[in-house]
Amino acid sequence: MQFHSEIVNSKFGKFYILDSRKGLHFILKNNDKRVKALIKNYNPIKGLFNKNIIKVFQSNILGNKIALKVKIKFLECSEFQKIVWKELLKIKQGTTTFYSEIANLTSYPKAVRAVASAVGKNPISVIVPCHRVIRKNGLIGGYAWGVKMKRALLDVEVSGMADSIYRGGK
């Protein structure tokens, strides 16, 4: 299978995107340590297979939802991670949920730490909205590229008026 990649600029910096005819596989900050391994392992050609991915990504990062759908094909993951990431796709824009709530939606309701780990390893940032998952105590929790970016993504989704659970955190 031939893989394709492109580096896309956004208000949050440069992002590396990897796709193929099977779907979108990765959206990572270009300085993420996984990018070098992806280039080595998949030897992608320049230019995305599905150019609509850029439109969807840029729209999402600006807090806009567009009607275009992107086919997603997760690579390099466990079945549990796929289950968690598919649950992330169901979180509505402008809302937040808890790691424990995601765990309750899986067959492993007590696996909150495993859910948090899977959320942290999400390979498709912004489109698979891991930034919408916060701690049950209202604290924002971690984010692969820093809490500042997580807050900014939440704020931009709801035009600076994030929901009360998120705003109650520190």
Foldseek 3Di string as FASTA:
>chain_A
DAKEWEWDQAPVGIWIWIADPQWTEFTGHPPPPCNVVCCVPRVHHYDHPDPVVNVQQRCLQQQHHDPDDTRYDYDDDDPVLVLLLVVLQVDDFLAAEELLVSCVVDPRNPPSVVSVVSLQVDRYDRNSDSLRYAHPQLASDAHNVGPVSSVSSSCSNVVNCHDPSNVVHD
